[in-house]
Amino acid sequence: MKQKTYVADSMVEAMQLVRADFGEDAVIIRSSVIQTKGFLGMFKKNKVEVVAGLEEPMIRPASSRLVQLKDTDRELERKESERMTEQLLEMKKMLQQLQTKSNKDHYPKPLQVIYEGLMNHELNEKLTLQICDAVYQKIKTKDVIDDELLMKLVRQAMLQKFEQYAYGGVTFDKKFINIVGPTGVGKTTTIAKIAARALLEKKKKIGFITTDTYRIAAIEQLKTYANLLQAPVEVVYRRDDFERAMERYADYDIVFIDTAGRNYKDEQFVKDLEQLIQFDQTMESYLVLSLVSKERDMMDIAKQFEHVPIRRFIFTKADEATSVGSIFNMMDAFGIGVAYITDGQEVPEDLEEASVEQLVDRLLEGVNKDE
């Protein structure tokens, strides 16, 4: 195989050089990010080093080649496709590495450490850069950077960024409290916690509606909580059942609706819910998501509920999660604040009303522990 080493400012430029020498059949053997020294050993700069080559064509007797061509055409196409996919993935990875390095290299070392800490706690890159850039503008002229001051500035930047959203628990200014979310996030237990506070602290007359007719255990769980709170439960199968339940609760202060836990990444399940429940001005809805879920799944579920008037998020299982960065990513993506954070199964104790200060402090506490 003929081989050649290329050093360029970017992966794109390196690939142009490779193609100029070896054409479209070139094979990337190795690629890496290197640092080159500038004038008098100073002004170091990141560059891309790529080793590429070209396979020597093998000459076989004509008869054997004719026999093998029919058997190997598909295999050659498959290998070529895999090779191209690997090269594209490698290029993407290299470009991401270069982009990340260039984004934060101008920060002083202490701020770079915080940048890495925020990223490690799953605050996405866009938000991390916004926060760190805001801090950098305040410290770039300082000769000495105090770590305590730096964290204070990071906290201020986070608060300023996220104070625009609405926080806090159910205000009970709407009669019907609708709790939606996928299977396994703890909706029923969360409803019981909120309902217990409504009864014990606000002295409200409460009732329950459940649409979760798919799982007998779910109905029984809600009935158990309802019995402890001495509150009735209405089981709803169809839209007319729901309307009758609303009439039966005419003299109640607050009615909590426990919806079926379904795979809400499927749009049809959300449509079924909209056909069953009467979303109107007497109702407010909260979307429950688990902090141990993949953020991509949380994003997909929230997108399916974009046509439902979700007032705020409720995030569960904070005690099982290693980070809370996804909370901020979700708020930024959907423009929705947070009502509660739950961190255990105790009713009603393990329920905390969210505030921007509390959420930011949770995130930065984790970042501080890592340092």
Protein backbone atom coordinates (compact mmCIF):
# COMPACT_ATOMS: atom_id res chain seq x y z
CA MET A 1 0.00 0.00 0.00
CA LYS A 2 1.20 3.49 -0.83
CA GLN A 3 1.02 5.75 2.24
CA LYS A 4 1.44 9.45 2.94
CA THR A 5 1.10 11.67 6.02
CA TYR A 6 -0.77 14.97 5.86
CA VAL A 7 -0.88 17.83 8.38
CA ALA A 8 -3.63 20.41 7.92
CA ASP A 9 -5.61 23.01 9.83
CA SER A 10 -8.84 21.00 9.63
CA MET A 11 -10.11 17.55 8.73
CA VAL A 12 -11.86 18.97 5.69
CA GLU A 13 -8.60 20.45 4.37
CA ALA A 14 -6.75 17.19 5.07
CA MET A 15 -9.34 15.18 3.14
CA GLN A 16 -8.99 17.54 0.18
CA LEU A 17 -5.24 16.86 0.12
CA VAL A 18 -5.80 13.10 0.37
CA ARG A 19 -8.26 13.11 -2.51
CA ALA A 20 -5.90 15.21 -4.64
CA ASP A 21 -3.15 12.56 -4.27
CA PHE A 22 -5.09 9.30 -4.12
CA GLY A 23 -8.56 10.07 -5.48
CA GLU A 24 -11.84 8.72 -4.10
CA ASP A 25 -10.36 5.25 -3.42
CA ALA A 26 -8.09 6.57 -0.66
CA VAL A 27 -8.10 4.74 2.68
CA ILE A 28 -7.72 6.64 5.99
CA ILE A 29 -5.27 4.62 8.07
CA ARG A 30 -4.97 6.88 11.10
CA SER A 31 -6.01 10.38 12.18
CA SER A 32 -5.25 12.46 15.27
CA VAL A 33 -5.16 15.97 16.68
CA ILE A 34 -1.65 17.33 17.19
CA GLN A 35 -0.16 20.56 18.50
CA THR A 36 2.35 22.42 16.36
CA LYS A 37 4.72 25.09 17.63
CA GLY A 38 4.69 28.52 16.10
CA PHE A 39 7.23 31.31 16.14
CA LEU A 40 10.05 30.71 18.70
CA GLY A 41 8.16 27.73 20.13
CA MET A 42 5.18 29.83 21.15
CA PHE A 43 1.62 30.24 19.88
CA LYS A 44 0.82 26.53 19.79
CA LYS A 45 -1.94 25.56 17.41
CA ASN A 46 -4.12 22.44 17.02
CA LYS A 47 -3.81 20.69 13.67
CA VAL A 48 -5.03 17.45 12.16
CA GLU A 49 -2.59 14.71 11.17
CA VAL A 50 -3.94 12.12 8.75
CA VAL A 51 -2.17 9.05 7.40
CA ALA A 52 -3.79 7.90 4.17
CA GLY A 53 -2.98 5.44 1.46
CA LEU A 54 -4.10 3.51 -1.59
CA GLU A 55 -4.41 -0.23 -1.95
CA GLU A 56 -2.28 -1.74 -4.74
CA PRO A 57 -4.48 -3.51 -7.30
CA MET A 58 -4.05 -7.31 -7.27
CA ILE A 59 -3.57 -8.99 -10.68
CA ARG A 60 -5.16 -12.41 -11.00
CA PRO A 61 -5.59 -14.78 -13.95
CA ALA A 62 -8.58 -13.81 -16.05
CA SER A 63 -10.38 -17.12 -15.52
CA SER A 64 -10.29 -17.01 -11.72
CA ARG A 65 -11.33 -13.34 -11.67
CA LEU A 66 -14.43 -14.09 -13.77
CA VAL A 67 -15.48 -16.87 -11.41
CA GLN A 68 -14.94 -14.80 -8.25
CA LEU A 69 -16.55 -11.56 -9.43
CA LYS A 70 -20.08 -12.92 -9.23
CA ASP A 71 -19.50 -14.29 -5.72
CA THR A 72 -17.77 -11.24 -4.25
CA ASP A 73 -19.52 -8.21 -5.78
CA ARG A 74 -21.98 -7.86 -2.86
CA GLU A 75 -19.24 -8.44 -0.30
CA LEU A 76 -17.08 -5.74 -1.88
CA GLU A 77 -19.99 -3.31 -1.89
CA ARG A 78 -20.72 -4.08 1.76
CA LYS A 79 -17.09 -3.56 2.80
CA GLU A 80 -16.86 -0.34 0.80
CA SER A 81 -20.03 0.95 2.48
CA GLU A 82 -18.68 0.05 5.92
CA ARG A 83 -15.34 1.71 5.14
CA MET A 84 -17.03 4.94 4.03
CA THR A 85 -19.26 4.93 7.11
CA GLU A 86 -16.23 4.50 9.40
CA GLN A 87 -14.41 7.34 7.66
CA LEU A 88 -17.40 9.64 7.99
CA LEU A 89 -17.78 8.80 11.67
CA GLU A 90 -14.08 9.41 12.22
CA MET A 91 -14.27 12.76 10.46
CA LYS A 92 -17.30 13.75 12.55
CA LYS A 93 -15.52 12.77 15.75
CA MET A 94 -12.42 14.70 14.80
CA LEU A 95 -14.40 17.80 13.89
CA GLN A 96 -16.28 17.63 17.20
CA GLN A 97 -13.00 17.34 19.11
CA LEU A 98 -11.54 20.31 17.27
CA GLN A 99 -14.70 22.35 17.79
CA THR A 100 -14.76 21.61 21.54
CA LYS A 101 -11.08 22.46 21.92
CA SER A 102 -11.42 25.73 20.05
CA ASN A 103 -14.56 26.67 22.01
CA LYS A 104 -12.93 26.51 25.42
CA ASP A 105 -9.20 26.87 24.81
CA HIS A 106 -9.33 30.63 25.33
CA TYR A 107 -10.76 30.19 28.83
CA PRO A 108 -8.35 30.34 31.79
CA LYS A 109 -7.69 26.93 33.34
CA PRO A 110 -10.12 27.30 36.30
CA LEU A 111 -12.97 28.13 33.92
CA GLN A 112 -12.02 25.20 31.67
CA VAL A 113 -12.40 22.94 34.73
CA ILE A 114 -15.89 24.30 35.35
CA TYR A 115 -16.72 23.89 31.66
CA GLU A 116 -15.79 20.20 31.88
CA GLY A 117 -17.74 19.84 35.12
CA LEU A 118 -20.93 21.25 33.61
CA MET A 119 -20.55 18.99 30.57
CA ASN A 120 -19.92 15.96 32.82
CA HIS A 121 -23.16 16.72 34.63
CA GLU A 122 -25.00 16.64 31.28
CA LEU A 123 -25.60 20.32 30.71
CA ASN A 124 -25.50 20.42 26.91
CA GLU A 125 -22.66 22.13 25.06
CA LYS A 126 -24.72 25.08 23.87
CA LEU A 127 -25.81 26.03 27.39
CA THR A 128 -22.38 25.30 28.87
CA LEU A 129 -20.76 27.69 26.40
CA GLN A 130 -23.38 30.38 27.06
CA ILE A 131 -22.74 30.19 30.82
CA CYS A 132 -18.94 30.05 30.53
CA ASP A 133 -18.84 32.84 27.93
CA ALA A 134 -20.89 35.07 30.22
CA VAL A 135 -18.44 34.39 33.06
CA TYR A 136 -15.41 34.85 30.82
CA GLN A 137 -16.55 38.34 29.83
CA LYS A 138 -16.38 39.32 33.51
CA ILE A 139 -12.99 37.78 34.31
CA LYS A 140 -10.94 38.10 31.12
CA THR A 141 -9.24 41.31 32.28
CA LYS A 142 -8.39 39.95 35.74
CA ASP A 143 -4.84 38.77 36.47
CA VAL A 144 -5.83 36.54 39.40
CA ILE A 145 -9.01 34.47 39.48
CA ASP A 146 -10.39 33.39 42.84
CA ASP A 147 -12.17 30.00 42.69
CA GLU A 148 -14.92 31.12 45.06
CA LEU A 149 -15.60 34.22 42.98
CA LEU A 150 -15.60 32.12 39.82
CA MET A 151 -18.29 29.75 41.14
CA LYS A 152 -20.30 32.77 42.31
CA LEU A 153 -20.20 34.20 38.79
CA VAL A 154 -21.20 30.84 37.30
CA ARG A 155 -24.17 30.69 39.68
CA GLN A 156 -25.19 34.23 38.75
CA ALA A 157 -24.99 33.41 35.03
CA MET A 158 -27.11 30.28 35.53
CA LEU A 159 -29.74 32.16 37.52
CA GLN A 160 -29.90 34.94 34.95
CA LYS A 161 -30.29 32.43 32.13
CA PHE A 162 -33.06 30.36 33.75
CA GLU A 163 -35.00 32.81 35.91
CA GLN A 164 -37.32 33.47 32.95
CA TYR A 165 -39.20 30.19 33.48
CA ALA A 166 -42.06 29.53 35.92
CA TYR A 167 -41.30 27.42 38.99
CA GLY A 168 -43.13 26.09 42.02
CA GLY A 169 -45.80 23.53 42.79
CA VAL A 170 -49.51 23.30 42.16
CA THR A 171 -51.26 26.52 43.20
CA PHE A 172 -54.72 24.87 43.30
CA ASP A 173 -56.28 27.69 41.31
CA LYS A 174 -57.55 25.08 38.84
CA LYS A 175 -59.95 22.35 39.87
CA PHE A 176 -58.57 19.50 37.76
CA ILE A 177 -54.88 18.57 38.04
CA ASN A 178 -53.88 16.28 35.18
CA ILE A 179 -50.65 14.29 35.55
CA VAL A 180 -49.25 12.71 32.37
CA GLY A 181 -46.10 10.80 31.57
CA PRO A 182 -44.70 7.48 30.38
CA THR A 183 -44.69 4.15 32.20
CA GLY A 184 -42.43 3.78 35.22
CA VAL A 185 -41.74 7.41 36.08
CA GLY A 186 -43.74 7.39 39.31
CA LYS A 187 -46.87 9.33 38.33
CA THR A 188 -49.22 7.68 40.83
CA THR A 189 -46.87 8.14 43.79
CA THR A 190 -46.28 11.76 42.75
CA ILE A 191 -50.04 12.38 42.61
CA ALA A 192 -50.40 10.92 46.10
CA LYS A 193 -47.70 13.27 47.43
CA ILE A 194 -49.31 16.38 45.93
CA ALA A 195 -52.80 15.27 46.98
CA ALA A 196 -51.68 14.65 50.58
CA ARG A 197 -50.32 18.18 50.80
CA ALA A 198 -53.53 19.59 49.32
CA LEU A 199 -55.55 17.76 51.96
CA LEU A 200 -53.30 18.21 54.99
CA GLU A 201 -51.80 21.65 54.38
CA LYS A 202 -54.43 23.41 52.26
CA LYS A 203 -57.47 21.63 53.76
CA LYS A 204 -58.87 20.94 50.29
CA LYS A 205 -61.65 18.44 49.54
CA ILE A 206 -59.98 16.11 47.05
CA GLY A 207 -60.96 13.32 44.68
CA PHE A 208 -59.22 11.14 42.09
CA ILE A 209 -59.86 10.04 38.51
CA THR A 210 -57.80 7.32 36.85
CA THR A 211 -57.69 6.55 33.14
CA ASP A 212 -55.08 3.81 33.65
CA THR A 213 -57.38 0.90 32.84
CA TYR A 214 -54.54 -1.08 31.24
CA ARG A 215 -53.00 -2.16 34.53
CA ILE A 216 -55.09 -3.45 37.46
CA ALA A 217 -52.12 -2.89 39.78
CA ALA A 218 -52.09 0.81 38.91
CA ILE A 219 -55.76 1.23 39.86
CA GLU A 220 -55.21 -0.66 43.11
CA GLN A 221 -52.19 1.48 43.95
CA LEU A 222 -54.19 4.68 43.50
CA LYS A 223 -57.10 3.24 45.53
CA THR A 224 -54.69 2.42 48.35
CA TYR A 225 -53.48 6.02 48.50
CA ALA A 226 -57.05 7.32 48.15
CA ASN A 227 -58.24 5.18 51.08
CA LEU A 228 -55.45 6.56 53.27
CA LEU A 229 -56.57 10.08 52.34
CA GLN A 230 -60.26 9.14 52.64
CA ALA A 231 -60.92 10.32 49.09
CA PRO A 232 -63.02 8.73 46.29
CA VAL A 233 -61.68 7.31 43.01
CA GLU A 234 -63.50 7.30 39.66
CA VAL A 235 -62.27 4.88 36.97
CA VAL A 236 -62.68 6.29 33.45
CA TYR A 237 -62.77 4.22 30.25
CA ARG A 238 -64.34 6.59 27.71
CA ARG A 239 -64.93 10.31 27.17
CA ASP A 240 -68.51 10.13 28.49
CA ASP A 241 -67.19 8.39 31.65
CA PHE A 242 -64.84 11.30 32.13
CA GLU A 243 -67.63 13.86 31.73
CA ARG A 244 -69.81 12.01 34.27
CA ALA A 245 -66.91 11.88 36.72
CA MET A 246 -66.48 15.64 36.41
CA GLU A 247 -70.17 16.08 37.27
CA ARG A 248 -69.90 13.80 40.33
CA TYR A 249 -67.03 15.93 41.60
CA ALA A 250 -68.98 19.18 41.22
CA ASP A 251 -68.64 20.11 44.91
CA TYR A 252 -64.98 19.07 45.29
CA ASP A 253 -62.12 21.55 45.49
CA ILE A 254 -59.41 19.60 43.66
CA VAL A 255 -59.55 16.49 41.47
CA PHE A 256 -56.34 14.69 40.53
CA ILE A 257 -56.27 12.76 37.23
CA ASP A 258 -53.90 9.79 36.98
CA THR A 259 -53.45 8.98 33.28
CA ALA A 260 -52.31 5.68 31.82
CA GLY A 261 -48.57 5.17 31.61
CA ARG A 262 -47.94 4.49 27.94
CA ASN A 263 -45.12 4.72 25.43
CA TYR A 264 -45.79 8.37 24.64
CA LYS A 265 -43.06 8.40 22.00
CA ASP A 266 -45.91 6.92 19.93
CA GLU A 267 -48.02 9.86 18.75
CA GLN A 268 -51.21 7.78 18.72
CA PHE A 269 -51.20 7.36 22.51
CA VAL A 270 -51.15 11.13 22.97
CA LYS A 271 -54.05 11.48 20.51
CA ASP A 272 -56.00 8.83 22.47
CA LEU A 273 -55.42 10.82 25.65
CA GLU A 274 -56.67 14.03 24.01
CA GLN A 275 -59.85 12.23 22.92
CA LEU A 276 -60.44 10.90 26.44
CA ILE A 277 -59.72 13.96 28.59
CA GLN A 278 -61.42 17.31 28.26
CA PHE A 279 -58.56 19.82 28.28
CA ASP A 280 -60.11 23.18 29.09
CA GLN A 281 -59.67 26.26 31.27
CA THR A 282 -60.62 24.34 34.44
CA MET A 283 -57.62 22.01 34.10
CA GLU A 284 -53.83 22.26 34.26
CA SER A 285 -51.48 19.51 33.14
CA TYR A 286 -48.04 18.47 34.36
CA LEU A 287 -45.64 16.20 32.49
CA VAL A 288 -43.74 13.76 34.72
CA LEU A 289 -40.31 12.59 33.56
CA SER A 290 -37.69 10.45 35.28
CA LEU A 291 -34.15 11.78 35.71
CA VAL A 292 -32.78 8.28 35.17
CA SER A 293 -34.25 8.19 31.67
CA LYS A 294 -32.19 8.98 28.59
CA GLU A 295 -32.47 12.65 27.71
CA ARG A 296 -33.24 11.78 24.11
CA ASP A 297 -36.28 9.79 25.29
CA MET A 298 -37.42 12.69 27.49
CA MET A 299 -37.11 15.06 24.52
CA ASP A 300 -39.12 12.74 22.27
CA ILE A 301 -41.90 12.39 24.84
CA ALA A 302 -42.10 16.14 25.49
CA LYS A 303 -42.34 16.79 21.74
CA GLN A 304 -45.38 14.54 21.52
CA PHE A 305 -47.11 16.68 24.17
CA GLU A 306 -46.43 19.99 22.44
CA HIS A 307 -50.15 20.29 21.53
CA VAL A 308 -51.21 19.65 25.13
CA PRO A 309 -51.04 22.71 27.42
CA ILE A 310 -48.30 21.44 29.77
CA ARG A 311 -47.90 23.94 32.60
CA ARG A 312 -44.68 22.61 34.10
CA PHE A 313 -42.43 19.58 34.29
CA ILE A 314 -42.17 17.28 37.29
CA PHE A 315 -38.87 15.38 37.51
CA THR A 316 -38.76 12.18 39.56
CA LYS A 317 -36.05 9.83 40.91
CA ALA A 318 -33.52 12.58 41.61
CA ASP A 319 -32.11 10.32 44.34
CA GLU A 320 -31.22 7.69 41.71
CA ALA A 321 -29.77 10.11 39.13
CA THR A 322 -26.10 11.07 38.88
CA SER A 323 -26.80 14.52 37.48
CA VAL A 324 -29.55 17.06 36.91
CA GLY A 325 -28.18 18.81 33.81
CA SER A 326 -30.98 17.39 31.67
CA ILE A 327 -33.50 19.48 33.64
CA PHE A 328 -31.94 22.67 32.26
CA ASN A 329 -31.68 21.21 28.76
CA MET A 330 -35.41 20.37 28.83
CA MET A 331 -36.40 23.82 30.09
CA ASP A 332 -34.29 25.49 27.40
CA ALA A 333 -35.66 23.24 24.64
CA PHE A 334 -39.37 23.61 25.49
CA GLY A 335 -39.63 26.90 27.40
CA ILE A 336 -41.34 25.15 30.32
CA GLY A 337 -40.40 25.50 34.00
CA VAL A 338 -40.39 22.93 36.80
CA ALA A 339 -43.02 22.32 39.49
CA TYR A 340 -41.47 19.59 41.65
CA ILE A 341 -38.44 17.37 42.12
CA THR A 342 -38.99 14.02 43.84
CA ASP A 343 -36.19 12.09 45.49
CA GLY A 344 -37.78 9.04 47.11
CA GLN A 345 -40.97 7.03 47.66
CA GLU A 346 -42.12 8.48 50.98
CA VAL A 347 -45.55 10.15 50.82
CA PRO A 348 -45.76 13.12 51.10
CA GLU A 349 -42.21 13.82 52.33
CA ASP A 350 -40.07 13.15 49.25
CA LEU A 351 -41.48 15.99 47.19
CA GLU A 352 -39.68 19.32 46.83
CA GLU A 353 -41.12 22.41 45.17
CA ALA A 354 -38.71 23.59 42.51
CA SER A 355 -37.13 27.03 42.34
CA VAL A 356 -34.45 28.32 40.02
CA GLU A 357 -32.06 28.76 42.99
CA GLN A 358 -32.64 25.20 44.22
CA LEU A 359 -32.11 23.67 40.78
CA VAL A 360 -28.94 25.66 40.04
CA ASP A 361 -27.52 24.78 43.46
CA ARG A 362 -28.21 21.07 42.85
CA LEU A 363 -26.26 21.21 39.61
CA LEU A 364 -23.31 23.20 40.96
CA GLU A 365 -23.10 21.05 44.08
CA GLY A 366 -22.34 18.11 41.83
CA VAL A 367 -19.78 20.12 39.85
CA ASN A 368 -18.06 21.20 43.08
CA LYS A 369 -17.85 17.61 44.34
CA ASP A 370 -16.05 16.56 41.18
CA GLU A 371 -13.32 19.18 41.51
